[in-house]
Amino acid sequence: MATKLKIKKGDKVIVIAGRDRGRTGEVLRVVPKEARVLVQGVNMIKRHTRAKPGETGGIVEKEALIHISNVAHVDPKDGKATRVGFKVLDGDRKVRFAKRSGEVIDR
C-alpha cells in the first residue's frame, strides 16, 4: 500500500542525499507506489537508443527516478530545505506550509 506523500507534481525540491546533493529542480512526476519522484535536471542518466524510421539513434540523456526520502521541499522565503506541515485555513481549506518559515506552499 502506498503512503500519503507530502510532495506533489510542480513543487520545488532540493536533493539532500546522493550524487546530486544540493541541486534543486521542479517535480515532474510522482510515483506513490514506489515512493519515488522525477525531478527536472536531477539524477541524469544516459540511454542508448536504436534508430527507428523517422528518428535518429544515439545517446539520449534524461532524468531518472529518485527516492522521495532523498528530496526535501525548498522554503519559499530563503531557498533552503524545509519540512512540511498541514494547517486549515478559513475553516475548510487544508493547505501545506513550510515549517521553517511558516509560508504556505500550496498555490
N, C-alpha and C. Protein backbone atom coordinates (compact mmCIF):
# COMPACT_ATOMS: atom_id res chain seq x y z
N MET A 1 0.84 -1.19 0.00
CA MET A 1 0.00 0.00 0.00
C MET A 1 0.88 1.25 0.00
N ALA A 2 0.54 2.20 -0.84
CA ALA A 2 1.31 3.45 -0.93
C ALA A 2 0.92 4.39 0.20
N THR A 3 1.91 5.11 0.72
CA THR A 3 1.63 6.05 1.79
C THR A 3 1.31 7.42 1.22
N LYS A 4 0.71 8.27 2.04
CA LYS A 4 0.39 9.64 1.64
C LYS A 4 1.67 10.45 1.57
N LEU A 5 1.94 11.06 0.43
CA LEU A 5 3.17 11.81 0.23
C LEU A 5 2.91 13.30 0.36
N LYS A 6 3.91 14.03 0.84
CA LYS A 6 3.79 15.47 1.02
C LYS A 6 4.35 16.24 -0.16
N ILE A 7 4.89 15.54 -1.13
CA ILE A 7 5.45 16.18 -2.33
C ILE A 7 4.52 15.91 -3.50
N LYS A 8 4.22 16.97 -4.25
CA LYS A 8 3.33 16.86 -5.40
C LYS A 8 4.01 17.34 -6.66
N LYS A 9 3.41 17.04 -7.79
CA LYS A 9 3.92 17.50 -9.08
C LYS A 9 3.92 19.03 -9.10
N GLY A 10 5.02 19.60 -9.59
CA GLY A 10 5.12 21.05 -9.67
C GLY A 10 5.82 21.71 -8.49
N ASP A 11 6.10 20.96 -7.42
CA ASP A 11 6.79 21.50 -6.24
C ASP A 11 8.26 21.72 -6.54
N LYS A 12 8.84 22.73 -5.91
CA LYS A 12 10.28 22.96 -5.98
C LYS A 12 10.92 22.17 -4.86
N VAL A 13 11.90 21.30 -5.20
CA VAL A 13 12.57 20.47 -4.20
C VAL A 13 14.07 20.60 -4.32
N ILE A 14 14.77 20.21 -3.25
CA ILE A 14 16.22 20.18 -3.22
C ILE A 14 16.65 18.76 -2.86
N VAL A 15 17.70 18.27 -3.51
CA VAL A 15 18.21 16.92 -3.22
C VAL A 15 19.08 17.01 -1.97
N ILE A 16 18.78 16.16 -0.97
CA ILE A 16 19.51 16.23 0.30
C ILE A 16 20.47 15.07 0.50
N ALA A 17 20.46 14.09 -0.41
CA ALA A 17 21.38 12.96 -0.28
C ALA A 17 21.69 12.40 -1.66
N GLY A 18 22.88 11.85 -1.79
CA GLY A 18 23.26 11.19 -3.04
C GLY A 18 24.17 12.02 -3.91
N ARG A 19 24.37 11.55 -5.10
CA ARG A 19 25.30 12.14 -6.06
C ARG A 19 24.95 13.59 -6.41
N ASP A 20 23.67 13.92 -6.45
CA ASP A 20 23.23 15.25 -6.86
C ASP A 20 22.85 16.14 -5.68
N ARG A 21 23.41 15.86 -4.50
CA ARG A 21 23.08 16.63 -3.30
C ARG A 21 23.29 18.13 -3.53
N GLY A 22 22.28 18.92 -3.12
CA GLY A 22 22.37 20.36 -3.25
C GLY A 22 21.71 20.92 -4.50
N ARG A 23 21.40 20.07 -5.47
CA ARG A 23 20.76 20.54 -6.70
C ARG A 23 19.27 20.70 -6.48
N THR A 24 18.68 21.67 -7.12
CA THR A 24 17.25 21.92 -6.99
C THR A 24 16.57 21.73 -8.33
N GLY A 25 15.27 21.51 -8.29
CA GLY A 25 14.50 21.35 -9.51
C GLY A 25 13.03 21.21 -9.21
N GLU A 26 12.24 21.16 -10.26
CA GLU A 26 10.80 21.02 -10.14
C GLU A 26 10.41 19.56 -10.30
N VAL A 27 9.44 19.11 -9.53
CA VAL A 27 8.97 17.73 -9.61
C VAL A 27 8.13 17.58 -10.88
N LEU A 28 8.54 16.67 -11.75
CA LEU A 28 7.83 16.42 -13.00
C LEU A 28 6.79 15.32 -12.86
N ARG A 29 7.09 14.34 -11.99
CA ARG A 29 6.19 13.19 -11.83
C ARG A 29 6.39 12.59 -10.45
N VAL A 30 5.31 12.07 -9.86
CA VAL A 30 5.38 11.39 -8.57
C VAL A 30 4.84 9.98 -8.76
N VAL A 31 5.58 8.99 -8.23
CA VAL A 31 5.15 7.59 -8.29
C VAL A 31 4.92 7.11 -6.85
N PRO A 32 3.70 7.26 -6.32
CA PRO A 32 3.45 6.94 -4.91
C PRO A 32 3.68 5.47 -4.56
N LYS A 33 3.40 4.55 -5.50
CA LYS A 33 3.56 3.13 -5.22
C LYS A 33 5.00 2.77 -4.90
N GLU A 34 5.95 3.43 -5.58
CA GLU A 34 7.37 3.16 -5.38
C GLU A 34 8.03 4.20 -4.48
N ALA A 35 7.28 5.23 -4.05
CA ALA A 35 7.78 6.34 -3.24
C ALA A 35 8.97 7.02 -3.93
N ARG A 36 8.79 7.33 -5.21
CA ARG A 36 9.84 7.97 -6.00
C ARG A 36 9.29 9.17 -6.74
N VAL A 37 10.20 10.09 -7.07
CA VAL A 37 9.83 11.29 -7.82
C VAL A 37 10.81 11.49 -8.97
N LEU A 38 10.34 12.20 -10.00
CA LEU A 38 11.17 12.57 -11.13
C LEU A 38 11.38 14.08 -11.04
N VAL A 39 12.64 14.50 -10.86
CA VAL A 39 12.95 15.92 -10.68
C VAL A 39 13.70 16.42 -11.91
N GLN A 40 13.28 17.58 -12.39
CA GLN A 40 13.86 18.16 -13.61
C GLN A 40 15.34 18.48 -13.42
N GLY A 41 16.19 17.89 -14.28
CA GLY A 41 17.62 18.16 -14.27
C GLY A 41 18.41 17.46 -13.18
N VAL A 42 17.81 16.52 -12.48
CA VAL A 42 18.48 15.81 -11.38
C VAL A 42 18.52 14.32 -11.68
N ASN A 43 19.60 13.64 -11.29
CA ASN A 43 19.78 12.20 -11.48
C ASN A 43 19.74 11.85 -12.97
N MET A 44 20.56 12.54 -13.74
CA MET A 44 20.59 12.34 -15.19
C MET A 44 21.30 11.02 -15.53
N ILE A 45 20.70 10.28 -16.48
CA ILE A 45 21.28 9.02 -16.95
C ILE A 45 21.35 9.06 -18.47
N LYS A 46 22.18 8.19 -19.03
CA LYS A 46 22.30 8.10 -20.49
C LYS A 46 21.67 6.80 -20.97
N ARG A 47 20.89 6.88 -22.02
CA ARG A 47 20.26 5.72 -22.62
C ARG A 47 20.68 5.64 -24.08
N HIS A 48 21.11 4.47 -24.50
CA HIS A 48 21.48 4.25 -25.89
C HIS A 48 20.23 3.80 -26.64
N THR A 49 19.82 4.59 -27.64
CA THR A 49 18.59 4.27 -28.37
C THR A 49 18.92 3.85 -29.80
N ARG A 50 18.12 2.93 -30.29
CA ARG A 50 18.28 2.42 -31.64
C ARG A 50 17.53 3.35 -32.61
N ALA A 51 18.04 3.49 -33.79
CA ALA A 51 17.38 4.32 -34.80
C ALA A 51 16.09 3.65 -35.26
N LYS A 52 15.04 4.46 -35.40
CA LYS A 52 13.75 3.99 -35.87
C LYS A 52 13.39 4.80 -37.11
N PRO A 53 12.44 4.34 -37.89
CA PRO A 53 12.03 5.13 -39.05
C PRO A 53 11.55 6.52 -38.62
N GLY A 54 12.20 7.53 -39.16
CA GLY A 54 11.83 8.91 -38.82
C GLY A 54 12.57 9.47 -37.61
N GLU A 55 13.33 8.64 -36.91
CA GLU A 55 14.09 9.08 -35.74
C GLU A 55 15.54 8.64 -35.87
N THR A 56 16.42 9.44 -35.30
CA THR A 56 17.82 9.04 -35.29
C THR A 56 18.16 8.37 -33.98
N GLY A 57 19.09 7.46 -34.03
CA GLY A 57 19.54 6.79 -32.82
C GLY A 57 20.65 7.58 -32.17
N GLY A 58 21.11 7.11 -31.04
CA GLY A 58 22.21 7.79 -30.37
C GLY A 58 22.07 7.69 -28.86
N ILE A 59 22.84 8.52 -28.18
CA ILE A 59 22.82 8.52 -26.72
C ILE A 59 21.92 9.65 -26.25
N VAL A 60 20.88 9.29 -25.51
CA VAL A 60 19.91 10.26 -25.00
C VAL A 60 20.13 10.41 -23.51
N GLU A 61 20.19 11.65 -23.05
CA GLU A 61 20.35 11.91 -21.62
C GLU A 61 19.00 12.34 -21.07
N LYS A 62 18.55 11.67 -19.99
CA LYS A 62 17.26 12.01 -19.40
C LYS A 62 17.28 11.80 -17.89
N GLU A 63 16.26 12.29 -17.21
CA GLU A 63 16.17 12.16 -15.76
C GLU A 63 15.70 10.77 -15.38
N ALA A 64 16.19 10.29 -14.23
CA ALA A 64 15.73 9.02 -13.68
C ALA A 64 15.03 9.30 -12.36
N LEU A 65 14.23 8.34 -11.91
CA LEU A 65 13.51 8.49 -10.65
C LEU A 65 14.48 8.53 -9.48
N ILE A 66 14.12 9.27 -8.44
CA ILE A 66 14.92 9.38 -7.23
C ILE A 66 13.99 9.13 -6.05
N HIS A 67 14.49 8.48 -5.01
CA HIS A 67 13.64 8.15 -3.87
C HIS A 67 13.20 9.41 -3.15
N ILE A 68 11.96 9.40 -2.71
CA ILE A 68 11.36 10.59 -2.10
C ILE A 68 12.03 10.99 -0.79
N SER A 69 12.70 10.04 -0.13
CA SER A 69 13.39 10.37 1.11
C SER A 69 14.66 11.18 0.86
N ASN A 70 15.12 11.23 -0.39
CA ASN A 70 16.33 11.96 -0.73
C ASN A 70 16.06 13.38 -1.22
N VAL A 71 14.81 13.82 -1.18
CA VAL A 71 14.47 15.19 -1.56
C VAL A 71 13.68 15.86 -0.45
N ALA A 72 13.78 17.19 -0.39
CA ALA A 72 13.03 17.98 0.58
C ALA A 72 12.50 19.23 -0.12
N HIS A 73 11.40 19.75 0.41
CA HIS A 73 10.83 20.98 -0.14
C HIS A 73 11.80 22.13 0.00
N VAL A 74 11.73 23.07 -0.92
CA VAL A 74 12.52 24.30 -0.83
C VAL A 74 11.64 25.36 -0.17
N ASP A 75 12.18 26.00 0.86
CA ASP A 75 11.45 27.06 1.56
C ASP A 75 11.27 28.24 0.60
N PRO A 76 10.03 28.73 0.43
CA PRO A 76 9.80 29.85 -0.49
C PRO A 76 10.53 31.13 -0.08
N LYS A 77 10.83 31.32 1.19
CA LYS A 77 11.48 32.55 1.64
C LYS A 77 12.98 32.56 1.43
N ASP A 78 13.69 31.52 1.93
CA ASP A 78 15.15 31.57 1.87
C ASP A 78 15.80 30.52 0.97
N GLY A 79 15.02 29.64 0.35
CA GLY A 79 15.56 28.68 -0.61
C GLY A 79 16.28 27.50 0.00
N LYS A 80 16.15 27.28 1.32
CA LYS A 80 16.78 26.14 1.97
C LYS A 80 15.77 25.02 2.17
N ALA A 81 16.27 23.82 2.51
CA ALA A 81 15.40 22.67 2.71
C ALA A 81 14.51 22.88 3.93
N THR A 82 13.28 22.42 3.84
CA THR A 82 12.34 22.56 4.95
C THR A 82 11.42 21.34 5.02
N ARG A 83 10.87 21.13 6.21
CA ARG A 83 9.85 20.10 6.36
C ARG A 83 8.50 20.72 6.06
N VAL A 84 7.48 19.85 5.91
CA VAL A 84 6.16 20.32 5.52
C VAL A 84 5.15 19.96 6.59
N GLY A 85 4.27 20.89 6.89
CA GLY A 85 3.17 20.65 7.82
C GLY A 85 1.86 20.97 7.14
N PHE A 86 0.77 20.64 7.81
CA PHE A 86 -0.56 20.91 7.29
C PHE A 86 -1.30 21.80 8.27
N LYS A 87 -2.11 22.74 7.74
CA LYS A 87 -2.99 23.53 8.58
C LYS A 87 -4.24 23.86 7.80
N VAL A 88 -5.29 24.22 8.52
CA VAL A 88 -6.57 24.51 7.90
C VAL A 88 -6.78 26.02 7.88
N LEU A 89 -7.04 26.57 6.70
CA LEU A 89 -7.31 27.99 6.54
C LEU A 89 -8.80 28.21 6.31
N ASP A 90 -9.32 29.28 6.83
CA ASP A 90 -10.72 29.67 6.63
C ASP A 90 -11.71 28.58 7.06
N GLY A 91 -11.28 27.70 7.95
CA GLY A 91 -12.17 26.68 8.49
C GLY A 91 -12.48 25.51 7.57
N ASP A 92 -12.05 25.55 6.31
CA ASP A 92 -12.41 24.44 5.41
C ASP A 92 -11.30 24.05 4.44
N ARG A 93 -10.31 24.92 4.23
CA ARG A 93 -9.26 24.64 3.23
C ARG A 93 -7.99 24.15 3.91
N LYS A 94 -7.58 22.91 3.62
CA LYS A 94 -6.36 22.32 4.18
C LYS A 94 -5.20 22.62 3.23
N VAL A 95 -4.14 23.24 3.76
CA VAL A 95 -3.00 23.61 2.93
C VAL A 95 -1.70 23.11 3.56
N ARG A 96 -0.67 23.00 2.71
CA ARG A 96 0.67 22.65 3.18
C ARG A 96 1.44 23.93 3.46
N PHE A 97 2.28 23.89 4.49
CA PHE A 97 3.11 25.06 4.78
C PHE A 97 4.51 24.63 5.15
N ALA A 98 5.48 25.52 4.93
CA ALA A 98 6.88 25.26 5.24
C ALA A 98 7.08 25.48 6.73
N LYS A 99 7.58 24.46 7.43
CA LYS A 99 7.79 24.59 8.87
C LYS A 99 8.91 25.55 9.20
N ARG A 100 9.84 25.76 8.28
CA ARG A 100 10.97 26.66 8.51
C ARG A 100 10.53 28.12 8.65
N SER A 101 9.64 28.57 7.73
CA SER A 101 9.25 29.97 7.72
C SER A 101 7.77 30.21 7.99
N GLY A 102 6.96 29.15 7.90
CA GLY A 102 5.53 29.29 8.09
C GLY A 102 4.78 29.69 6.82
N GLU A 103 5.52 29.84 5.73
CA GLU A 103 4.94 30.25 4.45
C GLU A 103 4.08 29.12 3.85
N VAL A 104 2.95 29.46 3.24
CA VAL A 104 2.07 28.47 2.62
C VAL A 104 2.68 28.03 1.29
N ILE A 105 2.75 26.70 1.07
CA ILE A 105 3.35 26.13 -0.14
C ILE A 105 2.31 25.98 -1.25
N ASP A 106 1.11 25.56 -0.89
CA ASP A 106 0.07 25.33 -1.91
C ASP A 106 -0.29 26.62 -2.61
N ARG A 107 -0.61 26.48 -3.89
CA ARG A 107 -0.98 27.64 -4.69
C ARG A 107 -2.43 27.99 -4.48
